[in-house]
Amino acid sequence: MGDSSSPASYIRMVQLLIEKCLIFHMNKDECVEALSKHAAIDPVITSTVWTELEKENKVFFEAYSKNREESVTEMMREMVTEMASRDPEDDEG
């Protein structure tokens, strides 16, 4: 955070970055890791801002979490179906 940045503007920037993580269907841990790695945001700050966003937007985050779980379940179901329909002889080399 530079000298010209206020704590409030820094928090707002972290919030905007979290919103971008949500677009990519990341969970809290994935978002914390991504912002730490790619934006050099302290994980404690990201986690705290995420938690506050959850408190302020409880209904959204409940729906987001449910949708994310359903998406993962559907992807797993598709993978299993695809694997089950493969000819085992195709995998032998």
N, C-alpha and C. Protein backbone atom coordinates (compact mmCIF):
# COMPACT_ATOMS: atom_id res chain seq x y z
N MET A 1 0.86 -1.18 0.00
CA MET A 1 0.00 0.00 0.00
C MET A 1 0.89 1.22 0.00
N GLY A 2 0.77 2.08 -1.00
CA GLY A 2 1.58 3.29 -1.10
C GLY A 2 1.13 4.36 -0.13
N ASP A 3 1.95 5.39 0.02
CA ASP A 3 1.63 6.48 0.94
C ASP A 3 0.36 7.23 0.55
N SER A 4 0.05 7.26 -0.74
CA SER A 4 -1.12 8.02 -1.19
C SER A 4 -2.42 7.23 -1.03
N SER A 5 -2.33 5.96 -0.71
CA SER A 5 -3.52 5.13 -0.56
C SER A 5 -4.03 5.17 0.87
N SER A 6 -5.31 5.34 1.00
CA SER A 6 -5.91 5.29 2.33
C SER A 6 -6.23 3.84 2.64
N PRO A 7 -6.34 3.50 3.91
CA PRO A 7 -6.75 2.13 4.25
C PRO A 7 -8.09 1.75 3.61
N ALA A 8 -9.00 2.70 3.53
CA ALA A 8 -10.31 2.40 2.94
C ALA A 8 -10.18 2.08 1.45
N SER A 9 -9.33 2.79 0.73
CA SER A 9 -9.18 2.51 -0.70
C SER A 9 -8.47 1.17 -0.92
N TYR A 10 -7.56 0.82 -0.02
CA TYR A 10 -6.88 -0.47 -0.10
C TYR A 10 -7.88 -1.61 0.12
N ILE A 11 -8.73 -1.46 1.12
CA ILE A 11 -9.76 -2.47 1.40
C ILE A 11 -10.70 -2.58 0.21
N ARG A 12 -11.05 -1.45 -0.38
CA ARG A 12 -11.94 -1.46 -1.56
C ARG A 12 -11.27 -2.21 -2.71
N MET A 13 -9.96 -2.01 -2.90
CA MET A 13 -9.25 -2.71 -3.95
C MET A 13 -9.28 -4.22 -3.70
N VAL A 14 -9.06 -4.63 -2.45
CA VAL A 14 -9.11 -6.05 -2.11
C VAL A 14 -10.51 -6.60 -2.38
N GLN A 15 -11.53 -5.83 -2.03
CA GLN A 15 -12.91 -6.25 -2.29
C GLN A 15 -13.13 -6.46 -3.79
N LEU A 16 -12.66 -5.56 -4.61
CA LEU A 16 -12.82 -5.69 -6.06
C LEU A 16 -12.08 -6.93 -6.58
N LEU A 17 -10.90 -7.21 -6.03
CA LEU A 17 -10.16 -8.41 -6.43
C LEU A 17 -10.91 -9.68 -6.00
N ILE A 18 -11.50 -9.65 -4.83
CA ILE A 18 -12.32 -10.79 -4.38
C ILE A 18 -13.49 -11.00 -5.32
N GLU A 19 -14.12 -9.91 -5.74
CA GLU A 19 -15.24 -10.03 -6.68
C GLU A 19 -14.79 -10.68 -7.99
N LYS A 20 -13.58 -10.38 -8.43
CA LYS A 20 -13.05 -11.03 -9.63
C LYS A 20 -12.85 -12.53 -9.38
N CYS A 21 -12.39 -12.87 -8.18
CA CYS A 21 -12.25 -14.30 -7.83
C CYS A 21 -13.60 -15.00 -7.87
N LEU A 22 -14.65 -14.32 -7.42
CA LEU A 22 -15.99 -14.90 -7.44
C LEU A 22 -16.44 -15.19 -8.86
N ILE A 23 -16.06 -14.32 -9.79
CA ILE A 23 -16.41 -14.53 -11.19
C ILE A 23 -15.81 -15.84 -11.69
N PHE A 24 -14.63 -16.18 -11.17
CA PHE A 24 -13.96 -17.42 -11.55
C PHE A 24 -14.33 -18.60 -10.66
N HIS A 25 -15.40 -18.44 -9.88
CA HIS A 25 -15.96 -19.51 -9.03
C HIS A 25 -14.96 -20.04 -8.00
N MET A 26 -14.10 -19.16 -7.49
CA MET A 26 -13.14 -19.57 -6.47
C MET A 26 -13.81 -19.59 -5.11
N ASN A 27 -13.34 -20.49 -4.25
CA ASN A 27 -13.79 -20.45 -2.86
C ASN A 27 -12.84 -19.52 -2.09
N LYS A 28 -13.09 -19.38 -0.81
CA LYS A 28 -12.31 -18.45 0.00
C LYS A 28 -10.82 -18.80 -0.02
N ASP A 29 -10.50 -20.07 0.20
CA ASP A 29 -9.09 -20.48 0.24
C ASP A 29 -8.39 -20.23 -1.09
N GLU A 30 -9.07 -20.56 -2.18
CA GLU A 30 -8.49 -20.33 -3.51
C GLU A 30 -8.25 -18.84 -3.76
N CYS A 31 -9.20 -18.03 -3.34
CA CYS A 31 -9.08 -16.58 -3.51
C CYS A 31 -7.93 -16.03 -2.68
N VAL A 32 -7.85 -16.45 -1.43
CA VAL A 32 -6.76 -16.00 -0.55
C VAL A 32 -5.41 -16.34 -1.18
N GLU A 33 -5.29 -17.56 -1.68
CA GLU A 33 -4.03 -18.00 -2.29
C GLU A 33 -3.72 -17.21 -3.56
N ALA A 34 -4.73 -17.01 -4.39
CA ALA A 34 -4.53 -16.28 -5.65
C ALA A 34 -4.11 -14.84 -5.40
N LEU A 35 -4.78 -14.17 -4.47
CA LEU A 35 -4.44 -12.77 -4.21
C LEU A 35 -3.08 -12.65 -3.54
N SER A 36 -2.72 -13.61 -2.74
CA SER A 36 -1.40 -13.60 -2.12
C SER A 36 -0.32 -13.76 -3.19
N LYS A 37 -0.54 -14.71 -4.08
CA LYS A 37 0.46 -15.03 -5.10
C LYS A 37 0.54 -13.97 -6.20
N HIS A 38 -0.61 -13.52 -6.68
CA HIS A 38 -0.63 -12.67 -7.87
C HIS A 38 -0.75 -11.18 -7.59
N ALA A 39 -1.20 -10.82 -6.39
CA ALA A 39 -1.37 -9.39 -6.08
C ALA A 39 -0.65 -8.99 -4.81
N ALA A 40 0.09 -9.92 -4.21
CA ALA A 40 0.85 -9.66 -2.99
C ALA A 40 -0.02 -9.08 -1.87
N ILE A 41 -1.24 -9.60 -1.77
CA ILE A 41 -2.15 -9.19 -0.70
C ILE A 41 -1.96 -10.16 0.46
N ASP A 42 -1.78 -9.63 1.65
CA ASP A 42 -1.61 -10.46 2.84
C ASP A 42 -2.85 -11.34 3.00
N PRO A 43 -2.65 -12.66 3.15
CA PRO A 43 -3.79 -13.57 3.30
C PRO A 43 -4.76 -13.18 4.42
N VAL A 44 -4.24 -12.62 5.50
CA VAL A 44 -5.11 -12.21 6.61
C VAL A 44 -6.07 -11.11 6.15
N ILE A 45 -5.59 -10.21 5.32
CA ILE A 45 -6.44 -9.12 4.83
C ILE A 45 -7.53 -9.68 3.91
N THR A 46 -7.13 -10.52 2.97
CA THR A 46 -8.12 -11.10 2.06
C THR A 46 -9.17 -11.88 2.84
N SER A 47 -8.72 -12.70 3.77
CA SER A 47 -9.63 -13.51 4.57
C SER A 47 -10.60 -12.63 5.36
N THR A 48 -10.08 -11.56 5.95
CA THR A 48 -10.92 -10.65 6.74
C THR A 48 -11.95 -9.95 5.87
N VAL A 49 -11.51 -9.46 4.71
CA VAL A 49 -12.45 -8.77 3.81
C VAL A 49 -13.50 -9.76 3.32
N TRP A 50 -13.09 -10.98 2.97
CA TRP A 50 -14.04 -12.01 2.51
C TRP A 50 -15.08 -12.26 3.60
N THR A 51 -14.62 -12.44 4.83
CA THR A 51 -15.53 -12.72 5.94
C THR A 51 -16.53 -11.58 6.13
N GLU A 52 -16.06 -10.35 6.03
CA GLU A 52 -16.97 -9.20 6.16
C GLU A 52 -17.97 -9.16 5.01
N LEU A 53 -17.52 -9.48 3.81
CA LEU A 53 -18.44 -9.54 2.67
C LEU A 53 -19.51 -10.61 2.88
N GLU A 54 -19.09 -11.76 3.43
CA GLU A 54 -20.06 -12.83 3.74
C GLU A 54 -21.11 -12.35 4.74
N LYS A 55 -20.67 -11.60 5.75
CA LYS A 55 -21.61 -11.09 6.77
C LYS A 55 -22.60 -10.12 6.14
N GLU A 56 -22.10 -9.25 5.26
CA GLU A 56 -22.94 -8.22 4.66
C GLU A 56 -23.84 -8.75 3.55
N ASN A 57 -23.45 -9.88 2.97
CA ASN A 57 -24.17 -10.43 1.81
C ASN A 57 -24.45 -11.92 2.02
N LYS A 58 -25.05 -12.23 3.16
CA LYS A 58 -25.25 -13.62 3.56
C LYS A 58 -26.02 -14.43 2.51
N VAL A 59 -27.09 -13.91 1.99
CA VAL A 59 -27.92 -14.64 1.02
C VAL A 59 -27.11 -14.93 -0.24
N PHE A 60 -26.37 -13.93 -0.72
CA PHE A 60 -25.56 -14.14 -1.93
C PHE A 60 -24.56 -15.27 -1.71
N PHE A 61 -23.81 -15.21 -0.61
CA PHE A 61 -22.77 -16.20 -0.38
C PHE A 61 -23.34 -17.60 -0.15
N GLU A 62 -24.51 -17.70 0.45
CA GLU A 62 -25.14 -19.01 0.60
C GLU A 62 -25.49 -19.58 -0.76
N ALA A 63 -26.05 -18.75 -1.64
CA ALA A 63 -26.39 -19.20 -2.99
C ALA A 63 -25.13 -19.51 -3.79
N TYR A 64 -24.11 -18.67 -3.64
CA TYR A 64 -22.84 -18.87 -4.34
C TYR A 64 -22.22 -20.21 -3.94
N SER A 65 -22.20 -20.48 -2.65
CA SER A 65 -21.62 -21.72 -2.15
C SER A 65 -22.40 -22.94 -2.67
N LYS A 66 -23.71 -22.84 -2.62
CA LYS A 66 -24.55 -23.95 -3.09
C LYS A 66 -24.33 -24.18 -4.58
N ASN A 67 -24.31 -23.12 -5.36
CA ASN A 67 -24.11 -23.22 -6.80
C ASN A 67 -22.74 -23.81 -7.11
N ARG A 68 -21.74 -23.40 -6.36
CA ARG A 68 -20.38 -23.90 -6.57
C ARG A 68 -20.31 -25.39 -6.27
N GLU A 69 -20.95 -25.84 -5.20
CA GLU A 69 -20.98 -27.26 -4.86
C GLU A 69 -21.69 -28.07 -5.95
N GLU A 70 -22.81 -27.53 -6.44
CA GLU A 70 -23.55 -28.23 -7.49
C GLU A 70 -22.73 -28.32 -8.77
N SER A 71 -21.98 -27.27 -9.08
CA SER A 71 -21.13 -27.27 -10.28
C SER A 71 -20.04 -28.32 -10.17
N VAL A 72 -19.42 -28.41 -9.01
CA VAL A 72 -18.36 -29.39 -8.79
C VAL A 72 -18.94 -30.81 -8.89
N THR A 73 -20.09 -31.02 -8.28
CA THR A 73 -20.74 -32.33 -8.34
C THR A 73 -21.06 -32.71 -9.78
N GLU A 74 -21.57 -31.77 -10.55
CA GLU A 74 -21.90 -32.03 -11.95
C GLU A 74 -20.65 -32.34 -12.76
N MET A 75 -19.57 -31.61 -12.54
CA MET A 75 -18.31 -31.87 -13.26
C MET A 75 -17.80 -33.27 -12.94
N MET A 76 -17.88 -33.65 -11.67
CA MET A 76 -17.42 -34.98 -11.26
C MET A 76 -18.28 -36.06 -11.91
N ARG A 77 -19.58 -35.84 -11.94
CA ARG A 77 -20.51 -36.79 -12.56
C ARG A 77 -20.16 -36.96 -14.05
N GLU A 78 -19.89 -35.86 -14.73
CA GLU A 78 -19.54 -35.92 -16.15
C GLU A 78 -18.23 -36.67 -16.37
N MET A 79 -17.24 -36.44 -15.50
CA MET A 79 -15.96 -37.13 -15.62
C MET A 79 -16.13 -38.63 -15.44
N VAL A 80 -16.89 -39.02 -14.43
CA VAL A 80 -17.12 -40.44 -14.17
C VAL A 80 -17.85 -41.08 -15.34
N THR A 81 -18.85 -40.41 -15.87
CA THR A 81 -19.60 -40.94 -17.01
C THR A 81 -18.68 -41.10 -18.22
N GLU A 82 -17.84 -40.12 -18.45
CA GLU A 82 -16.91 -40.19 -19.58
C GLU A 82 -15.91 -41.34 -19.40
N MET A 83 -15.39 -41.47 -18.19
CA MET A 83 -14.43 -42.56 -17.92
C MET A 83 -15.10 -43.92 -18.06
N ALA A 84 -16.34 -44.03 -17.61
CA ALA A 84 -17.05 -45.31 -17.67
C ALA A 84 -17.38 -45.71 -19.11
N SER A 85 -17.52 -44.73 -19.97
CA SER A 85 -17.89 -45.04 -21.35
C SER A 85 -16.68 -45.30 -22.24
N ARG A 86 -15.48 -45.09 -21.71
CA ARG A 86 -14.28 -45.35 -22.49
C ARG A 86 -14.05 -46.85 -22.68
N ASP A 87 -13.45 -47.19 -23.80
CA ASP A 87 -13.04 -48.56 -24.04
C ASP A 87 -11.69 -48.77 -23.34
N PRO A 88 -11.61 -49.69 -22.40
CA PRO A 88 -10.36 -49.90 -21.66
C PRO A 88 -9.18 -50.23 -22.56
N GLU A 89 -9.44 -50.82 -23.72
CA GLU A 89 -8.36 -51.18 -24.63
C GLU A 89 -7.74 -49.95 -25.25
N ASP A 90 -8.49 -48.83 -25.31
CA ASP A 90 -7.95 -47.58 -25.85
C ASP A 90 -6.84 -47.03 -24.97
N ASP A 91 -6.89 -47.33 -23.67
CA ASP A 91 -5.91 -46.80 -22.72
C ASP A 91 -4.63 -47.63 -22.68
N GLU A 92 -4.67 -48.83 -23.24
CA GLU A 92 -3.48 -49.67 -23.23
C GLU A 92 -2.55 -49.21 -24.33
N GLY A 93 -1.24 -49.15 -24.01
CA GLY A 93 -0.34 -48.61 -25.00
C GLY A 93 0.65 -49.55 -25.39
